[in-house]
Amino acid sequence: MSLATTKTSKIDRLAELTAKKETSSGASLWREAFRRLRGSKMAIIGAIVIAAFVVVAIVGPWLAPYAPTAQTWRGEVFANQGRFVGARGENLFGLDHLGRDMFSRMLVGARQTLLVGVVSMLIGLVLGALVGVVSGAAATLGGRAGQRLDDVVMRVTDIMLALPSLLLAVSVAAVLGQSLTTVMIAVGVVQIPIFARLLRGSMLAQGGKDYVLAARSLGIRKRRIVLTQIMPNSLSPVIVQATLSLATAIIEAAALSYLGLGNPDPAVPEWGVMLSQAQRFFDNAPMMSMYPAVAIIVTALGFTLLGEAMREALDPKLRG
């Protein structure tokens, strides 16, 4: 099975699992899902990790004991012949290769990392949802001409899904040039076909429901049916995917920064940039790499845990 087929089957499966609007007991989908989430240890752990990350990103610059770009201890680092100065009372995470406080840079870098992840996800979500709505509406209510439009759009998304996500992001970033905005756009472009195919599949599942047939029999305009009936009832899998995509966006943004395609100013703290800078000193100062690497992994894990818990909570086959 090809990589594109595997991606496509997973996306279609998520749309299928979350297409049902109400439970058999009549309780709303989201009320039942929230009840299941409250009892899920995976969801609680993920939510705690995400909450901690967001709090640090918001208040980190005020909590940082030193200016993240200040080379206050540069002389001490060079006096030690470039050896890593480890954790101590005045520097909880030690110093980097230029005598900057690592703890302060980690706190301030959290905001930059969160900004990149959220903006990238929103780019993919908005553009992907737009493509998905057009394709889903064309396939559901567009007749023969709509089917042809849907086929063209889906073949383009299949081509994008067939490409490794990091390779596609690197290609976009290389074309646009080195900058933080480039990283956001590149990672966002990677997410577009995922959201598009997911929303389109969910809309197809909703298109054959009785309420759609009733609306059409009453003579309601197709555009109104799509915007007020089908699309709102198709957003559940998209919301779940947005949570999962935040984890992917953070990792891919860090990877682009690691490859030197991120912020051209290395003094600005961002976890991916810090990881890239630390690779030169890994043999003598492994902790310079460990701090940003662990932060990226734990943060991505938090979003993944919450996203997977939401996926399970919205699965109609698991609800009693």
Protein backbone atom coordinates (compact mmCIF):
# COMPACT_ATOMS: atom_id res chain seq x y z
CA MET A 1 0.00 0.00 0.00
CA SER A 2 1.42 3.37 -1.02
CA LEU A 3 2.01 6.27 1.36
CA ALA A 4 -0.71 8.33 -0.32
CA THR A 5 -3.20 5.46 0.00
CA THR A 6 -2.35 5.04 3.69
CA LYS A 7 -2.81 8.76 4.38
CA THR A 8 -6.06 8.82 2.42
CA SER A 9 -7.50 5.80 4.23
CA LYS A 10 -6.71 7.31 7.63
CA ILE A 11 -8.33 10.62 6.71
CA ASP A 12 -11.43 8.92 5.31
CA ARG A 13 -11.65 6.72 8.41
CA LEU A 14 -11.62 9.79 10.68
CA ALA A 15 -14.41 11.36 8.63
CA GLU A 16 -16.44 8.17 8.89
CA LEU A 17 -15.97 7.83 12.65
CA THR A 18 -17.08 11.38 13.39
CA ALA A 19 -19.84 11.87 10.84
CA LYS A 20 -22.66 10.94 13.23
CA LYS A 21 -24.36 14.00 14.68
CA GLU A 22 -26.23 12.57 17.66
CA THR A 23 -25.92 9.56 19.92
CA SER A 24 -28.62 6.91 20.20
CA SER A 25 -29.67 8.28 23.57
CA GLY A 26 -30.39 11.69 22.05
CA ALA A 27 -27.50 13.47 23.81
CA SER A 28 -25.55 15.85 21.60
CA LEU A 29 -22.32 14.63 20.10
CA TRP A 30 -20.10 17.16 21.85
CA ARG A 31 -21.76 16.76 25.24
CA GLU A 32 -21.21 13.01 25.11
CA ALA A 33 -17.66 13.48 23.84
CA PHE A 34 -16.85 15.91 26.65
CA ARG A 35 -18.14 13.40 29.19
CA ARG A 36 -15.86 10.74 27.75
CA LEU A 37 -12.90 13.12 27.67
CA ARG A 38 -13.26 13.92 31.36
CA GLY A 39 -12.82 10.23 32.15
CA SER A 40 -9.85 9.73 29.81
CA LYS A 41 -6.40 9.78 31.42
CA MET A 42 -4.86 10.35 28.01
CA ALA A 43 -6.98 13.46 27.47
CA ILE A 44 -6.21 14.81 30.95
CA ILE A 45 -2.46 14.36 30.53
CA GLY A 46 -2.55 15.95 27.09
CA ALA A 47 -4.61 18.89 28.34
CA ILE A 48 -2.23 19.47 31.26
CA VAL A 49 0.80 19.47 28.95
CA ILE A 50 -0.88 21.86 26.50
CA ALA A 51 -2.06 24.17 29.28
CA ALA A 52 1.46 24.31 30.76
CA PHE A 53 2.92 25.05 27.33
CA VAL A 54 0.42 27.84 26.64
CA VAL A 55 0.95 29.42 30.05
CA VAL A 56 4.72 29.39 29.59
CA ALA A 57 4.35 30.85 26.10
CA ILE A 58 2.17 33.69 27.41
CA VAL A 59 3.99 34.64 30.60
CA GLY A 60 7.45 33.27 29.75
CA PRO A 61 9.01 36.63 28.75
CA TRP A 62 8.02 38.08 32.15
CA LEU A 63 9.28 35.01 34.04
CA ALA A 64 12.67 34.94 32.30
CA PRO A 65 15.32 36.03 34.83
CA TYR A 66 17.61 37.47 32.14
CA ALA A 67 17.32 38.96 28.66
CA PRO A 68 17.35 35.98 26.25
CA THR A 69 19.74 37.70 23.82
CA ALA A 70 22.14 39.11 26.41
CA GLN A 71 25.60 37.52 26.27
CA THR A 72 26.16 38.28 29.94
CA TRP A 73 28.55 35.39 30.61
CA ARG A 74 30.35 35.41 27.25
CA GLY A 75 33.69 36.05 28.90
CA GLU A 76 33.20 33.10 31.26
CA VAL A 77 32.40 30.74 28.39
CA PHE A 78 35.48 31.79 26.42
CA ALA A 79 37.61 31.63 29.54
CA ASN A 80 36.57 27.97 29.85
CA GLN A 81 37.69 27.43 26.24
CA GLY A 82 34.11 27.10 25.02
CA ARG A 83 33.12 24.33 27.42
CA PHE A 84 29.45 24.14 28.36
CA VAL A 85 28.60 25.75 31.69
CA GLY A 86 26.00 23.48 33.26
CA ALA A 87 23.14 24.14 35.62
CA ARG A 88 23.91 26.25 38.65
CA GLY A 89 22.17 28.59 41.03
CA GLU A 90 22.04 31.66 38.80
CA ASN A 91 21.54 29.69 35.55
CA LEU A 92 19.07 26.82 36.01
CA PHE A 93 19.81 25.29 32.58
CA GLY A 94 23.33 26.58 32.27
CA LEU A 95 24.75 28.75 29.47
CA ASP A 96 24.88 28.32 25.72
CA HIS A 97 27.96 28.74 23.52
CA LEU A 98 27.69 32.55 23.59
CA GLY A 99 27.16 32.93 27.33
CA ARG A 100 23.38 33.39 27.18
CA ASP A 101 21.09 32.00 29.86
CA MET A 102 19.47 28.82 28.49
CA PHE A 103 16.53 28.91 30.90
CA SER A 104 15.54 32.41 29.76
CA ARG A 105 15.86 31.44 26.11
CA MET A 106 13.69 28.36 26.64
CA LEU A 107 10.94 30.40 28.30
CA VAL A 108 10.90 33.11 25.64
CA GLY A 109 11.29 30.58 22.82
CA ALA A 110 8.05 28.85 23.83
CA ARG A 111 6.01 31.82 22.57
CA GLN A 112 7.74 31.81 19.21
CA THR A 113 7.22 28.05 18.87
CA LEU A 114 3.53 28.31 19.78
CA LEU A 115 3.06 31.18 17.33
CA VAL A 116 4.58 29.19 14.48
CA GLY A 117 2.50 26.11 15.28
CA VAL A 118 -0.83 27.93 15.63
CA VAL A 119 -0.42 30.15 12.56
CA SER A 120 0.72 27.20 10.44
CA MET A 121 -2.25 25.12 11.55
CA LEU A 122 -4.67 28.00 10.85
CA ILE A 123 -3.27 28.45 7.33
CA GLY A 124 -3.80 24.77 6.60
CA LEU A 125 -7.21 24.75 8.29
CA VAL A 126 -8.65 27.80 6.52
CA LEU A 127 -7.36 27.00 3.04
CA GLY A 128 -7.96 23.27 3.40
CA ALA A 129 -11.51 23.83 4.67
CA LEU A 130 -12.19 26.15 1.74
CA VAL A 131 -11.02 23.52 -0.74
CA GLY A 132 -12.90 20.80 1.13
CA VAL A 133 -16.16 22.76 1.15
CA VAL A 134 -15.94 23.45 -2.59
CA SER A 135 -15.11 19.85 -3.40
CA GLY A 136 -17.65 18.39 -0.98
CA ALA A 137 -20.43 20.67 -2.17
CA ALA A 138 -19.64 19.89 -5.80
CA ALA A 139 -19.64 16.14 -5.17
CA THR A 140 -22.80 16.21 -3.04
CA LEU A 141 -25.08 18.63 -4.83
CA GLY A 142 -23.23 19.68 -7.97
CA GLY A 143 -24.44 17.06 -10.43
CA ARG A 144 -22.22 15.81 -13.26
CA ALA A 145 -20.27 19.07 -13.54
CA GLY A 146 -19.70 19.03 -9.79
CA GLN A 147 -18.38 15.48 -9.97
CA ARG A 148 -15.81 16.54 -12.56
CA LEU A 149 -14.71 19.47 -10.39
CA ASP A 150 -14.48 17.17 -7.38
CA ASP A 151 -12.35 14.68 -9.33
CA VAL A 152 -9.88 17.38 -10.37
CA VAL A 153 -9.57 18.82 -6.85
CA MET A 154 -9.14 15.40 -5.24
CA ARG A 155 -6.46 14.34 -7.72
CA VAL A 156 -4.46 17.46 -6.85
CA THR A 157 -4.80 16.75 -3.12
CA ASP A 158 -3.79 13.12 -3.72
CA ILE A 159 -0.60 14.32 -5.41
CA MET A 160 0.16 16.57 -2.44
CA LEU A 161 -0.56 13.73 0.00
CA ALA A 162 1.76 11.44 -1.95
CA LEU A 163 4.72 13.72 -1.25
CA PRO A 164 6.48 13.34 2.12
CA SER A 165 5.29 16.24 4.26
CA LEU A 166 8.75 17.42 5.28
CA LEU A 167 9.99 17.30 1.68
CA LEU A 168 7.02 19.37 0.53
CA ALA A 169 7.58 21.88 3.33
CA VAL A 170 11.29 22.16 2.53
CA SER A 171 10.48 22.73 -1.16
CA VAL A 172 8.04 25.53 -0.36
CA ALA A 173 10.44 27.12 2.13
CA ALA A 174 13.33 26.95 -0.34
CA VAL A 175 11.25 28.77 -2.96
CA LEU A 176 10.01 31.52 -0.61
CA GLY A 177 13.34 32.16 1.13
CA GLN A 178 14.53 32.09 4.71
CA SER A 179 12.19 33.69 7.24
CA LEU A 180 9.78 32.83 10.04
CA THR A 181 6.84 33.68 7.77
CA THR A 182 8.18 31.21 5.23
CA VAL A 183 8.16 28.45 7.84
CA MET A 184 4.53 29.19 8.72
CA ILE A 185 3.44 29.15 5.09
CA ALA A 186 5.44 26.02 4.25
CA VAL A 187 4.05 24.02 7.17
CA GLY A 188 0.55 25.37 6.50
CA VAL A 189 0.67 24.26 2.85
CA VAL A 190 1.48 20.72 3.98
CA GLN A 191 -1.72 20.67 6.07
CA ILE A 192 -4.05 21.88 3.29
CA PRO A 193 -4.73 18.52 1.55
CA ILE A 194 -5.34 16.78 4.89
CA PHE A 195 -8.04 19.22 5.99
CA ALA A 196 -9.49 19.38 2.47
CA ARG A 197 -9.92 15.65 2.06
CA LEU A 198 -11.16 15.24 5.62
CA LEU A 199 -13.89 17.87 5.33
CA ARG A 200 -14.87 16.66 1.87
CA GLY A 201 -15.27 13.09 3.15
CA SER A 202 -17.33 14.22 6.10
CA MET A 203 -19.57 16.31 3.85
CA LEU A 204 -20.14 13.30 1.58
CA ALA A 205 -21.19 11.29 4.63
CA GLN A 206 -23.65 14.01 5.61
CA GLY A 207 -24.93 14.55 2.06
CA GLY A 208 -27.13 11.47 2.07
CA LYS A 209 -28.78 12.14 5.42
CA ASP A 210 -32.55 12.63 5.71
CA TYR A 211 -32.33 16.29 6.73
CA VAL A 212 -30.48 17.09 3.49
CA LEU A 213 -33.07 15.28 1.40
CA ALA A 214 -35.83 17.12 3.29
CA ALA A 215 -34.17 20.48 2.68
CA ARG A 216 -33.82 19.75 -1.03
CA SER A 217 -37.46 18.64 -1.27
CA LEU A 218 -38.52 21.96 0.26
CA GLY A 219 -36.74 23.81 -2.51
CA ILE A 220 -34.01 25.36 -0.34
CA ARG A 221 -31.10 26.63 -2.40
CA LYS A 222 -28.13 24.30 -2.64
CA ARG A 223 -25.66 26.91 -1.38
CA ARG A 224 -27.76 27.47 1.73
CA ILE A 225 -28.03 23.73 2.36
CA VAL A 226 -24.24 23.42 2.15
CA LEU A 227 -23.43 26.41 4.36
CA THR A 228 -26.16 26.03 7.02
CA GLN A 229 -26.76 22.29 7.14
CA ILE A 230 -24.04 20.06 5.68
CA MET A 231 -20.90 22.00 6.58
CA PRO A 232 -21.69 22.68 10.28
CA ASN A 233 -22.49 19.00 10.79
CA SER A 234 -19.21 17.99 9.11
CA LEU A 235 -16.78 19.95 11.28
CA SER A 236 -16.23 17.39 14.05
CA PRO A 237 -13.35 15.51 12.35
CA VAL A 238 -11.80 18.80 11.26
CA ILE A 239 -11.65 20.04 14.85
CA VAL A 240 -10.03 16.77 15.94
CA GLN A 241 -7.51 16.99 13.11
CA ALA A 242 -6.67 20.60 14.03
CA THR A 243 -5.50 19.41 17.45
CA LEU A 244 -3.37 16.68 15.90
CA SER A 245 -2.02 19.07 13.26
CA LEU A 246 -0.69 21.42 15.94
CA ALA A 247 1.68 18.67 17.06
CA THR A 248 2.76 18.03 13.48
CA ALA A 249 3.17 21.74 12.78
CA ILE A 250 5.43 22.27 15.80
CA ILE A 251 7.65 19.34 14.80
CA GLU A 252 7.86 20.33 11.13
CA ALA A 253 8.50 23.99 11.96
CA ALA A 254 11.31 22.92 14.28
CA ALA A 255 12.69 20.70 11.51
CA LEU A 256 12.72 23.60 9.03
CA SER A 257 14.44 25.83 11.57
CA TYR A 258 16.93 23.04 12.23
CA LEU A 259 17.70 22.91 8.50
CA GLY A 260 18.38 26.65 8.47
CA LEU A 261 15.16 27.74 6.74
CA GLY A 262 13.65 29.49 9.74
CA ASN A 263 14.27 32.89 11.31
CA PRO A 264 17.42 34.40 9.77
CA ASP A 265 18.25 36.08 13.09
CA PRO A 266 19.82 33.35 15.27
CA ALA A 267 19.66 35.58 18.34
CA VAL A 268 15.85 35.30 18.47
CA PRO A 269 15.07 32.31 20.73
CA GLU A 270 12.97 29.57 19.13
CA TRP A 271 13.25 25.92 20.04
CA GLY A 272 14.02 24.73 16.51
CA VAL A 273 16.69 27.40 16.04
CA MET A 274 18.20 26.59 19.43
CA LEU A 275 18.36 22.91 18.48
CA SER A 276 20.08 23.80 15.22
CA GLN A 277 22.66 25.95 16.99
CA ALA A 278 23.39 23.25 19.57
CA GLN A 279 24.21 20.52 17.03
CA ARG A 280 27.75 21.85 16.63
CA PHE A 281 28.44 21.39 20.32
CA PHE A 282 26.69 18.07 20.90
CA ASP A 283 29.86 16.16 21.79
CA ASN A 284 30.95 18.63 24.48
CA ALA A 285 27.57 20.09 25.47
CA PRO A 286 24.74 17.57 24.86
CA MET A 287 22.38 19.38 27.24
CA MET A 288 22.20 22.35 24.87
CA SER A 289 20.39 20.02 22.48
CA MET A 290 18.45 18.10 25.10
CA TYR A 291 16.51 21.06 26.51
CA PRO A 292 14.84 22.23 23.26
CA ALA A 293 14.49 18.67 21.94
CA VAL A 294 12.66 17.44 25.03
CA ALA A 295 10.46 20.55 25.06
CA ILE A 296 9.44 19.97 21.42
CA ILE A 297 8.76 16.26 22.02
CA VAL A 298 6.71 16.78 25.18
CA THR A 299 4.65 19.59 23.64
CA ALA A 300 3.92 17.58 20.48
CA LEU A 301 3.04 14.59 22.66
CA GLY A 302 0.53 16.68 24.60
CA PHE A 303 -1.31 17.75 21.45
CA THR A 304 -1.19 14.19 20.11
CA LEU A 305 -2.62 12.69 23.29
CA LEU A 306 -5.48 15.18 23.40
CA GLY A 307 -6.19 14.74 19.69
CA GLU A 308 -6.27 10.96 19.93
CA ALA A 309 -8.52 11.15 22.98
CA MET A 310 -10.90 13.43 21.07
CA ARG A 311 -10.87 11.01 18.15
CA GLU A 312 -11.88 8.15 20.44
CA ALA A 313 -14.49 10.25 22.24
CA LEU A 314 -16.14 11.14 18.94
CA ASP A 315 -16.07 7.58 17.63
CA PRO A 316 -19.73 6.47 17.38
CA LYS A 317 -18.71 2.81 17.69
CA LEU A 318 -17.30 3.42 21.17
CA ARG A 319 -20.33 5.25 22.57
CA GLY A 320 -22.90 3.27 24.45
